[in-house]
PDB file of N, CA and C in Angstrom:
ATOM      1  N   MET A   1      52.123  10.895 119.554  1.00  0.00           N
ATOM      2  CA  MET A   1      52.103  12.150 119.985  1.00  0.00           C
ATOM      3  C   MET A   1      52.512  12.104 121.388  1.00  0.00           C
ATOM      4  N   GLU A   2      53.323  12.957 121.823  1.00  0.00           N
ATOM      5  CA  GLU A   2      53.783  12.961 123.113  1.00  0.00           C
ATOM      6  C   GLU A   2      52.763  13.800 124.020  1.00  0.00           C
ATOM      7  N   LYS A   3      52.671  13.334 125.294  1.00  0.00           N
ATOM      8  CA  LYS A   3      51.823  14.022 126.198  1.00  0.00           C
ATOM      9  C   LYS A   3      52.682  15.203 126.995  1.00  0.00           C
ATOM     10  N   LYS A   4      52.314  16.461 126.905  1.00  0.00           N
ATOM     11  CA  LYS A   4      52.930  17.320 127.533  1.00  0.00           C
ATOM     12  C   LYS A   4      52.663  17.273 129.176  1.00  0.00           C
ATOM     13  N   GLU A   5      53.672  17.434 129.900  1.00  0.00           N
ATOM     14  CA  GLU A   5      53.476  17.629 131.359  1.00  0.00           C
ATOM     15  C   GLU A   5      53.175  18.977 131.667  1.00  0.00           C
ATOM     16  N   PRO A   6      52.201  18.956 132.672  1.00  0.00           N
ATOM     17  CA  PRO A   6      51.859  20.490 133.122  1.00  0.00           C
ATOM     18  C   PRO A   6      52.873  21.253 133.842  1.00  0.00           C
ATOM     19  N   SER A   7      52.894  22.471 133.722  1.00  0.00           N
ATOM     20  CA  SER A   7      53.940  23.351 134.307  1.00  0.00           C
ATOM     21  C   SER A   7      53.745  23.262 135.745  1.00  0.00           C
ATOM     22  N   PRO A   8      54.771  23.537 136.607  1.00  0.00           N
ATOM     23  CA  PRO A   8      54.601  23.574 138.120  1.00  0.00           C
ATOM     24  C   PRO A   8      53.687  24.650 138.357  1.00  0.00           C
ATOM     25  N   ILE A   9      53.648  25.711 137.670  1.00  0.00           N
ATOM     26  CA  ILE A   9      52.584  26.765 138.188  1.00  0.00           C
ATOM     27  C   ILE A   9      51.094  26.208 137.898  1.00  0.00           C
ATOM     28  N   SER A  10      50.943  25.566 136.832  1.00  0.00           N
ATOM     29  CA  SER A  10      49.594  25.115 136.792  1.00  0.00           C
ATOM     30  C   SER A  10      49.284  23.974 137.635  1.00  0.00           C
ATOM     31  N   VAL A  11      50.201  23.165 137.995  1.00  0.00           N
ATOM     32  CA  VAL A  11      49.848  22.084 139.002  1.00  0.00           C
ATOM     33  C   VAL A  11      49.407  22.768 140.355  1.00  0.00           C
ATOM     34  N   VAL A  12      50.286  23.872 140.878  1.00  0.00           N
ATOM     35  CA  VAL A  12      49.951  24.530 142.112  1.00  0.00           C
ATOM     36  C   VAL A  12      48.676  25.284 142.103  1.00  0.00           C
ATOM     37  N   TRP A  13      48.388  25.869 140.854  1.00  0.00           N
ATOM     38  CA  TRP A  13      47.041  26.492 140.557  1.00  0.00           C
ATOM     39  C   TRP A  13      45.884  25.652 140.782  1.00  0.00           C
ATOM     40  N   GLY A  14      46.115  24.345 140.263  1.00  0.00           N
ATOM     41  CA  GLY A  14      45.099  23.324 140.394  1.00  0.00           C
ATOM     42  C   GLY A  14      44.893  22.961 141.837  1.00  0.00           C
ATOM     43  N   TRP A  15      45.996  22.852 142.634  1.00  0.00           N
ATOM     44  CA  TRP A  15      45.875  22.421 144.033  1.00  0.00           C
ATOM     45  C   TRP A  15      44.839  23.511 144.735  1.00  0.00           C
ATOM     46  N   ALA A  16      45.111  24.708 144.496  1.00  0.00           N
ATOM     47  CA  ALA A  16      44.486  25.880 145.095  1.00  0.00           C
ATOM     48  C   ALA A  16      43.156  26.336 144.484  1.00  0.00           C
ATOM     49  N   GLU A  17      42.400  25.323 143.862  1.00  0.00           N
ATOM     50  CA  GLU A  17      41.414  25.690 143.065  1.00  0.00           C
ATOM     51  C   GLU A  17      40.219  26.222 143.930  1.00  0.00           C
ATOM     52  N   LYS A  18      40.008  25.815 144.954  1.00  0.00           N
ATOM     53  CA  LYS A  18      38.947  26.237 146.033  1.00  0.00           C
ATOM     54  C   LYS A  18      39.222  27.656 146.511  1.00  0.00           C
ATOM     55  N   TYR A  19      40.429  28.038 146.424  1.00  0.00           N
ATOM     56  CA  TYR A  19      40.800  29.379 146.984  1.00  0.00           C
ATOM     57  C   TYR A  19      40.848  30.379 145.884  1.00  0.00           C
ATOM     58  N   HIS A  20      40.427  30.100 144.734  1.00  0.00           N
ATOM     59  CA  HIS A  20      40.785  31.257 143.670  1.00  0.00           C
ATOM     60  C   HIS A  20      40.154  32.492 143.848  1.00  0.00           C
ATOM     61  N   SER A  21      38.780  32.356 144.498  1.00  0.00           N
ATOM     62  CA  SER A  21      37.926  33.717 144.675  1.00  0.00           C
ATOM     63  C   SER A  21      38.706  34.407 145.824  1.00  0.00           C
ATOM     64  N   LYS A  22      39.209  33.865 146.712  1.00  0.00           N
ATOM     65  CA  LYS A  22      40.016  34.673 147.744  1.00  0.00           C
ATOM     66  C   LYS A  22      41.342  35.216 147.264  1.00  0.00           C
ATOM     67  N   PHE A  23      41.908  34.552 146.218  1.00  0.00           N
ATOM     68  CA  PHE A  23      43.173  35.098 145.535  1.00  0.00           C
ATOM     69  C   PHE A  23      42.803  36.345 144.778  1.00  0.00           C
ATOM     70  N   TYR A  24      41.583  36.239 143.877  1.00  0.00           N
ATOM     71  CA  TYR A  24      41.197  37.466 143.252  1.00  0.00           C
ATOM     72  C   TYR A  24      40.979  38.498 144.186  1.00  0.00           C
ATOM     73  N   GLY A  25      40.281  38.375 145.190  1.00  0.00           N
ATOM     74  CA  GLY A  25      39.922  39.437 146.269  1.00  0.00           C
ATOM     75  C   GLY A  25      41.114  39.995 146.935  1.00  0.00           C
ATOM     76  N   SER A  26      42.162  39.201 147.054  1.00  0.00           N
ATOM     77  CA  SER A  26      43.438  39.791 147.693  1.00  0.00           C
ATOM     78  C   SER A  26      44.087  40.688 146.506  1.00  0.00           C
ATOM     79  N   VAL A  27      43.985  40.290 145.304  1.00  0.00           N
ATOM     80  CA  VAL A  27      44.609  40.995 144.294  1.00  0.00           C
ATOM     81  C   VAL A  27      43.812  42.528 144.072  1.00  0.00           C
ATOM     82  N   VAL A  28      42.646  42.381 144.146  1.00  0.00           N
ATOM     83  CA  VAL A  28      41.724  43.771 144.235  1.00  0.00           C
ATOM     84  C   VAL A  28      42.023  44.480 145.378  1.00  0.00           C
ATOM     85  N   LEU A  29      42.423  43.976 146.528  1.00  0.00           N
ATOM     86  CA  LEU A  29      42.702  44.768 147.759  1.00  0.00           C
ATOM     87  C   LEU A  29      44.052  45.288 147.615  1.00  0.00           C
ATOM     88  N   ALA A  30      44.995  44.612 147.062  1.00  0.00           N
ATOM     89  CA  ALA A  30      46.246  45.089 146.731  1.00  0.00           C
ATOM     90  C   ALA A  30      46.285  46.201 145.774  1.00  0.00           C
ATOM     91  N   VAL A  31      45.524  46.116 144.842  1.00  0.00           N
ATOM     92  CA  VAL A  31      45.472  47.204 143.798  1.00  0.00           C
ATOM     93  C   VAL A  31      44.872  48.488 144.384  1.00  0.00           C
ATOM     94  N   LEU A  32      43.776  48.333 145.287  1.00  0.00           N
ATOM     95  CA  LEU A  32      43.229  49.430 145.975  1.00  0.00           C
ATOM     96  C   LEU A  32      44.150  50.001 146.926  1.00  0.00           C
ATOM     97  N   GLY A  33      45.064  49.207 147.734  1.00  0.00           N
ATOM     98  CA  GLY A  33      46.023  49.626 148.602  1.00  0.00           C
ATOM     99  C   GLY A  33      47.082  50.597 147.890  1.00  0.00           C
ATOM    100  N   VAL A  34      47.594  50.190 146.756  1.00  0.00           N
ATOM    101  CA  VAL A  34      48.493  50.966 145.984  1.00  0.00           C
ATOM    102  C   VAL A  34      47.876  52.198 145.552  1.00  0.00           C
ATOM    103  N   ALA A  35      46.693  52.134 144.986  1.00  0.00           N
ATOM    104  CA  ALA A  35      45.963  53.449 144.614  1.00  0.00           C
ATOM    105  C   ALA A  35      45.521  54.447 145.609  1.00  0.00           C
ATOM    106  N   GLY A  36      45.408  53.898 146.912  1.00  0.00           N
ATOM    107  CA  GLY A  36      45.429  54.736 148.047  1.00  0.00           C
ATOM    108  C   GLY A  36      46.613  55.525 148.430  1.00  0.00           C
ATOM    109  N   THR A  37      47.755  54.623 148.277  1.00  0.00           N
ATOM    110  CA  THR A  37      49.086  55.292 148.642  1.00  0.00           C
ATOM    111  C   THR A  37      49.462  56.380 147.665  1.00  0.00           C
ATOM    112  N   MET A  38      49.105  56.124 146.338  1.00  0.00           N
ATOM    113  CA  MET A  38      49.470  57.066 145.254  1.00  0.00           C
ATOM    114  C   MET A  38      48.573  58.307 145.525  1.00  0.00           C
ATOM    115  N   LEU A  39      47.288  58.104 146.014  1.00  0.00           N
ATOM    116  CA  LEU A  39      46.459  59.267 146.208  1.00  0.00           C
ATOM    117  C   LEU A  39      47.100  60.225 147.300  1.00  0.00           C
ATOM    118  N   THR A  40      47.621  59.715 148.343  1.00  0.00           N
ATOM    119  CA  THR A  40      48.349  60.333 149.361  1.00  0.00           C
ATOM    120  C   THR A  40      49.504  61.172 148.860  1.00  0.00           C
ATOM    121  N   TYR A  41      50.349  60.604 148.021  1.00  0.00           N
ATOM    122  CA  TYR A  41      51.516  61.303 147.304  1.00  0.00           C
ATOM    123  C   TYR A  41      51.090  62.444 146.555  1.00  0.00           C
ATOM    124  N   PHE A  42      49.896  62.213 145.658  1.00  0.00           N
ATOM    125  CA  PHE A  42      49.558  63.204 144.816  1.00  0.00           C
ATOM    126  C   PHE A  42      48.914  64.331 145.514  1.00  0.00           C
ATOM    127  N   SER A  43      48.150  63.954 146.732  1.00  0.00           N
ATOM    128  CA  SER A  43      47.526  65.020 147.543  1.00  0.00           C
ATOM    129  C   SER A  43      48.625  66.003 148.153  1.00  0.00           C
ATOM    130  N   ILE A  44      49.539  65.415 148.609  1.00  0.00           N
ATOM    131  CA  ILE A  44      50.596  66.098 149.423  1.00  0.00           C
ATOM    132  C   ILE A  44      51.458  66.947 148.302  1.00  0.00           C
ATOM    133  N   ALA A  45      51.579  66.411 147.109  1.00  0.00           N
ATOM    134  CA  ALA A  45      52.239  67.305 145.955  1.00  0.00           C
ATOM    135  C   ALA A  45      51.359  68.571 145.768  1.00  0.00           C
ATOM    136  N   ALA A  46      50.149  68.235 145.522  1.00  0.00           N
ATOM    137  CA  ALA A  46      49.074  69.338 145.241  1.00  0.00           C
ATOM    138  C   ALA A  46      49.194  70.378 146.252  1.00  0.00           C
ATOM    139  N   MET A  47      49.280  69.921 147.610  1.00  0.00           N
ATOM    140  CA  MET A  47      49.211  70.902 148.732  1.00  0.00           C
ATOM    141  C   MET A  47      50.443  71.753 148.781  1.00  0.00           C
ATOM    142  N   ILE A  48      51.559  71.117 148.364  1.00  0.00           N
ATOM    143  CA  ILE A  48      52.813  71.853 148.527  1.00  0.00           C
ATOM    144  C   ILE A  48      52.892  72.990 147.370  1.00  0.00           C
ATOM    145  N   ARG A  49      52.285  72.475 146.329  1.00  0.00           N
ATOM    146  CA  ARG A  49      52.304  73.409 144.976  1.00  0.00           C
ATOM    147  C   ARG A  49      51.377  74.507 145.466  1.00  0.00           C
ATOM    148  N   ILE A  50      50.160  74.362 146.113  1.00  0.00           N
ATOM    149  CA  ILE A  50      49.226  75.400 146.528  1.00  0.00           C
ATOM    150  C   ILE A  50      49.872  76.463 147.447  1.00  0.00           C
ATOM    151  N   LEU A  51      50.566  75.764 148.520  1.00  0.00           N
ATOM    152  CA  LEU A  51      51.318  76.599 149.547  1.00  0.00           C
ATOM    153  C   LEU A  51      52.369  77.485 148.852  1.00  0.00           C
ATOM    154  N   LEU A  52      53.114  76.825 147.879  1.00  0.00           N
ATOM    155  CA  LEU A  52      54.300  77.549 147.398  1.00  0.00           C
ATOM    156  C   LEU A  52      53.814  78.730 146.382  1.00  0.00           C
ATOM    157  N   GLU A  53      52.686  78.505 145.846  1.00  0.00           N
ATOM    158  CA  GLU A  53      52.191  79.481 144.828  1.00  0.00           C
ATOM    159  C   GLU A  53      51.581  80.676 145.532  1.00  0.00           C
ATOM    160  N   ASN A  54      50.680  80.353 146.484  1.00  0.00           N
ATOM    161  CA  ASN A  54      49.919  81.505 147.070  1.00  0.00           C
ATOM    162  C   ASN A  54      49.861  81.563 148.607  1.00  0.00           C
ATOM    163  N   GLY A  55      50.270  80.355 149.197  1.00  0.00           N
ATOM    164  CA  GLY A  55      50.367  80.129 150.755  1.00  0.00           C
ATOM    165  C   GLY A  55      48.916  80.344 151.416  1.00  0.00           C
ATOM    166  N   ASP A  56      47.792  80.073 150.604  1.00  0.00           N
ATOM    167  CA  ASP A  56      46.493  79.968 151.399  1.00  0.00           C
ATOM    168  C   ASP A  56      46.104  78.634 151.730  1.00  0.00           C
ATOM    169  N   PHE A  57      46.188  78.293 152.984  1.00  0.00           N
ATOM    170  CA  PHE A  57      45.888  76.949 153.548  1.00  0.00           C
ATOM    171  C   PHE A  57      44.548  76.483 153.165  1.00  0.00           C
ATOM    172  N   SER A  58      43.486  77.556 153.084  1.00  0.00           N
ATOM    173  CA  SER A  58      42.077  77.071 152.862  1.00  0.00           C
ATOM    174  C   SER A  58      41.889  76.429 151.609  1.00  0.00           C
ATOM    175  N   GLN A  59      42.727  76.604 150.615  1.00  0.00           N
ATOM    176  CA  GLN A  59      42.627  75.951 149.420  1.00  0.00           C
ATOM    177  C   GLN A  59      43.264  74.455 149.641  1.00  0.00           C
ATOM    178  N   CYS A  60      43.781  74.089 150.626  1.00  0.00           N
ATOM    179  CA  CYS A  60      44.407  72.671 150.717  1.00  0.00           C
ATOM    180  C   CYS A  60      43.424  71.901 151.550  1.00  0.00           C
ATOM    181  N   LEU A  61      42.419  72.386 152.004  1.00  0.00           N
ATOM    182  CA  LEU A  61      41.377  71.599 152.735  1.00  0.00           C
ATOM    183  C   LEU A  61      40.769  70.498 151.995  1.00  0.00           C
ATOM    184  N   PRO A  62      40.282  70.698 150.691  1.00  0.00           N
ATOM    185  CA  PRO A  62      39.890  69.594 150.091  1.00  0.00           C
ATOM    186  C   PRO A  62      40.846  68.284 149.874  1.00  0.00           C
ATOM    187  N   TRP A  63      42.231  68.816 149.788  1.00  0.00           N
ATOM    188  CA  TRP A  63      43.178  67.731 149.488  1.00  0.00           C
ATOM    189  C   TRP A  63      43.400  67.111 150.965  1.00  0.00           C
ATOM    190  N   CYS A  64      43.143  67.764 151.923  1.00  0.00           N
ATOM    191  CA  CYS A  64      43.278  66.969 153.302  1.00  0.00           C
ATOM    192  C   CYS A  64      42.191  65.870 153.343  1.00  0.00           C
ATOM    193  N   GLY A  65      41.104  66.071 152.808  1.00  0.00           N
ATOM    194  CA  GLY A  65      40.042  65.115 152.670  1.00  0.00           C
ATOM    195  C   GLY A  65      40.525  63.869 151.871  1.00  0.00           C
ATOM    196  N   PHE A  66      41.356  64.123 150.724  1.00  0.00           N
ATOM    197  CA  PHE A  66      41.810  62.949 149.898  1.00  0.00           C
ATOM    198  C   PHE A  66      42.874  62.380 150.706  1.00  0.00           C
ATOM    199  N   LEU A  67      43.658  63.067 151.431  1.00  0.00           N
ATOM    200  CA  LEU A  67      44.731  62.488 152.414  1.00  0.00           C
ATOM    201  C   LEU A  67      43.996  61.316 153.288  1.00  0.00           C
ATOM    202  N   LEU A  68      42.831  61.790 153.965  1.00  0.00           N
ATOM    203  CA  LEU A  68      42.090  60.877 154.771  1.00  0.00           C
ATOM    204  C   LEU A  68      41.552  59.592 154.075  1.00  0.00           C
ATOM    205  N   ILE A  69      41.095  59.909 152.788  1.00  0.00           N
ATOM    206  CA  ILE A  69      40.686  58.737 152.059  1.00  0.00           C
ATOM    207  C   ILE A  69      41.745  57.740 151.690  1.00  0.00           C
ATOM    208  N   GLY A  70      42.839  58.307 151.418  1.00  0.00           N
ATOM    209  CA  GLY A  70      44.001  57.590 150.993  1.00  0.00           C
ATOM    210  C   GLY A  70      44.508  56.772 152.179  1.00  0.00           C
TER     211      GLY A  70
END
């Protein structure tokens, strides 16, 4: 039976074994960054819709809070 050689990805993953927790943390932060960016786009779209429908800026204030969070 032939012994399979490990793939280059698994070799590099093995070298970086002590940094796995930092890698997972960076992936979580990247996902949160994308979610924050999407939140700003959705907030701006909602504010534009509100202003075009009735022009009342006071209804946009909660969306301004979401912009700050994003």
